[in-house]
Protein backbone atom coordinates (compact mmCIF):
# COMPACT_ATOMS: atom_id res chain seq x y z
CA MET A 1 36.94 15.15 60.62
CA TYR A 2 36.18 16.12 64.22
CA THR A 3 39.59 15.05 65.48
CA ASN A 4 41.22 17.18 62.75
CA ASN A 5 39.44 20.24 64.11
CA LEU A 6 40.33 19.27 67.66
CA ARG A 7 44.02 18.74 66.89
CA GLU A 8 44.35 21.95 64.90
CA THR A 9 42.53 23.95 67.56
CA VAL A 10 44.88 22.63 70.25
CA HIS A 11 47.77 23.75 68.01
CA ASP A 12 46.22 27.20 67.64
CA GLU A 13 45.89 27.52 71.41
CA ASP A 14 49.44 26.30 72.19
CA PRO A 15 51.74 25.01 69.42
CA ALA A 16 54.03 23.36 71.99
CA ALA A 17 51.14 21.13 73.12
CA TYR A 18 50.42 19.82 69.60
CA PHE A 19 52.75 16.81 69.32
CA PRO A 20 52.39 15.64 72.93
CA PHE A 21 48.62 15.86 72.45
CA LEU A 22 48.81 13.87 69.19
CA ARG A 23 50.74 11.08 70.91
CA LEU A 24 48.26 10.91 73.77
CA LEU A 25 45.24 11.09 71.49
CA ALA A 26 46.59 8.27 69.31
CA LYS A 27 46.87 6.04 72.37
CA HIS A 28 43.47 6.81 73.89
CA ILE A 29 40.95 7.38 71.07
CA PRO A 30 41.25 3.83 69.62
CA ALA A 31 40.36 2.51 73.09
CA LEU A 32 36.88 4.04 72.83
CA ASP A 33 34.21 1.52 71.83
CA SER A 34 32.51 3.83 69.36
CA PRO A 35 34.08 7.28 69.33
CA THR A 36 31.61 10.12 68.99
CA PRO A 37 32.45 13.83 68.95
CA GLN A 38 31.28 14.05 72.59
CA SER A 39 33.34 11.08 73.81
CA THR A 40 36.37 12.29 71.84
CA LEU A 41 36.06 15.74 73.42
CA GLU A 42 35.77 14.22 76.90
CA VAL A 43 38.91 12.14 76.34
CA ALA A 44 40.71 15.20 74.96
CA HIS A 45 39.73 17.31 77.98
CA ASN A 46 40.91 14.58 80.36
CA LEU A 47 44.22 14.22 78.51
CA LEU A 48 44.85 17.95 78.33
CA ASP A 49 44.06 18.39 82.02
CA SER A 50 45.85 15.31 83.36
CA HIS A 51 49.02 16.06 81.37
CA ASN A 52 48.80 19.83 81.92
CA LEU A 53 49.21 20.52 78.19
CA LEU A 54 47.11 23.67 77.93
CA ARG A 55 47.44 26.20 80.70
CA GLY A 56 45.80 29.49 81.50
CA PRO A 57 43.91 31.29 78.76
CA ALA A 58 44.71 28.61 76.17
CA ARG A 59 42.72 26.02 78.13
CA SER A 60 39.92 28.50 78.76
CA THR A 61 39.44 29.41 75.11
CA LEU A 62 39.76 25.89 73.68
CA ASP A 63 36.05 25.12 73.91
CA LEU A 64 35.10 28.48 72.43
CA ALA A 65 37.46 27.95 69.48
CA LEU A 66 36.07 24.44 68.97
CA ALA A 67 32.48 25.72 69.10
CA LEU A 68 33.31 28.38 66.54
CA HIS A 69 35.13 25.84 64.33
CA ALA A 70 38.03 28.27 64.21
CA ALA A 71 40.38 25.80 62.50
CA ALA A 72 37.83 24.40 60.02
CA PRO A 73 38.45 26.86 57.15
CA ARG A 74 42.21 26.21 57.27
CA ILE A 75 41.69 22.42 57.32
CA THR A 76 39.23 22.57 54.43
CA ALA A 77 41.58 24.78 52.42
CA ALA A 78 44.51 22.42 53.02
CA TYR A 79 42.51 19.40 51.88
CA ALA A 80 41.25 21.24 48.80
CA ALA A 81 44.70 22.46 47.83
CA TYR A 82 46.21 19.01 48.28
CA ASN A 83 43.46 17.23 46.37
CA SER A 84 43.42 19.69 43.49
CA SER A 85 47.15 20.07 42.98
CA HIS A 86 48.78 16.87 44.15
CA ALA A 87 46.10 14.48 42.92
CA GLU A 88 46.06 16.10 39.49
CA VAL A 89 49.86 15.91 39.18
CA LEU A 90 49.69 12.21 39.99
CA GLY A 91 46.84 11.66 37.54
CA VAL A 92 44.41 10.44 40.19
CA GLY A 93 42.14 13.48 40.35
CA GLU A 94 39.05 11.51 39.37
CA CYS A 95 39.70 8.59 41.74
CA GLU A 96 37.42 8.05 44.72
CA ALA A 97 40.36 6.68 46.70
CA TRP A 98 44.00 6.45 45.73
CA VAL A 99 47.49 5.75 46.99
CA GLU A 100 50.85 7.33 46.20
CA ILE A 101 53.96 5.17 46.08
CA ARG A 102 57.36 6.24 44.79
CA GLY A 103 55.90 9.44 43.35
CA LYS A 104 53.25 7.61 41.31
CA GLY A 105 49.51 7.68 41.91
CA PHE A 106 47.31 4.59 41.67
CA CYS A 107 43.53 4.47 41.68
CA GLY A 108 43.14 0.76 42.24
CA VAL A 109 44.81 -2.29 43.65
CA GLU A 110 45.20 -3.95 40.26
CA GLU A 111 46.97 -0.94 38.79
CA LEU A 112 49.31 -0.84 41.80
CA ARG A 113 49.98 -4.59 41.62
CA LYS A 114 50.98 -4.36 37.95
CA ASP A 115 53.37 -1.51 38.64
CA VAL A 116 54.99 -3.40 41.52
CA GLU A 117 55.40 -6.48 39.32
CA ARG A 118 57.00 -4.37 36.57
CA SER A 119 59.33 -2.83 39.12
CA ILE A 120 60.37 -6.25 40.43
CA GLU A 121 60.94 -7.56 36.90
CA ALA A 122 63.05 -4.50 36.05
CA LYS A 123 65.22 -5.05 39.12
CA GLU A 124 65.67 -8.74 38.26
CA HIS A 125 66.90 -7.85 34.78
CA VAL A 126 69.41 -5.36 36.18
CA THR A 127 71.04 -7.79 38.60
C-alpha cells in the first residue's frame, strides 16, 4: 500500500513525472532484498533526484505530502468503489481473492478451470 501512496503523491506533485517514475520504480524496487517503507522511500528519492523528475517546489513538498498521506483518501475511495461496484457486478463480492477474465469473475481456480474447459469445448464444436 505504501508504494500506492508514493506513486499517487508523485502524480499530485507533477503529473508529467508519473509514468517515468513508475517505469523506474518497477525496475528498482524488486531489486531490494526486503523492501520496507524506508528503503522504498530512499530508492524513490534517489530515482527522482538522479532522473530530475521532480523539480522546484514539487520536490520540496513531496515529503510533506507523503507525511500527511495526502493521496490516501483518494486511493482508499478508488479501491472501495471498485470493490463494491465491479466485484458485485461480476458476482465475486464475497470472494477473498478473485480474477476477471473475459468479463466474468471467478473466485477460485477450479471454477475458472471449468469455464475455460467449457469455452474450449464450445470452440471445438463450432469449428
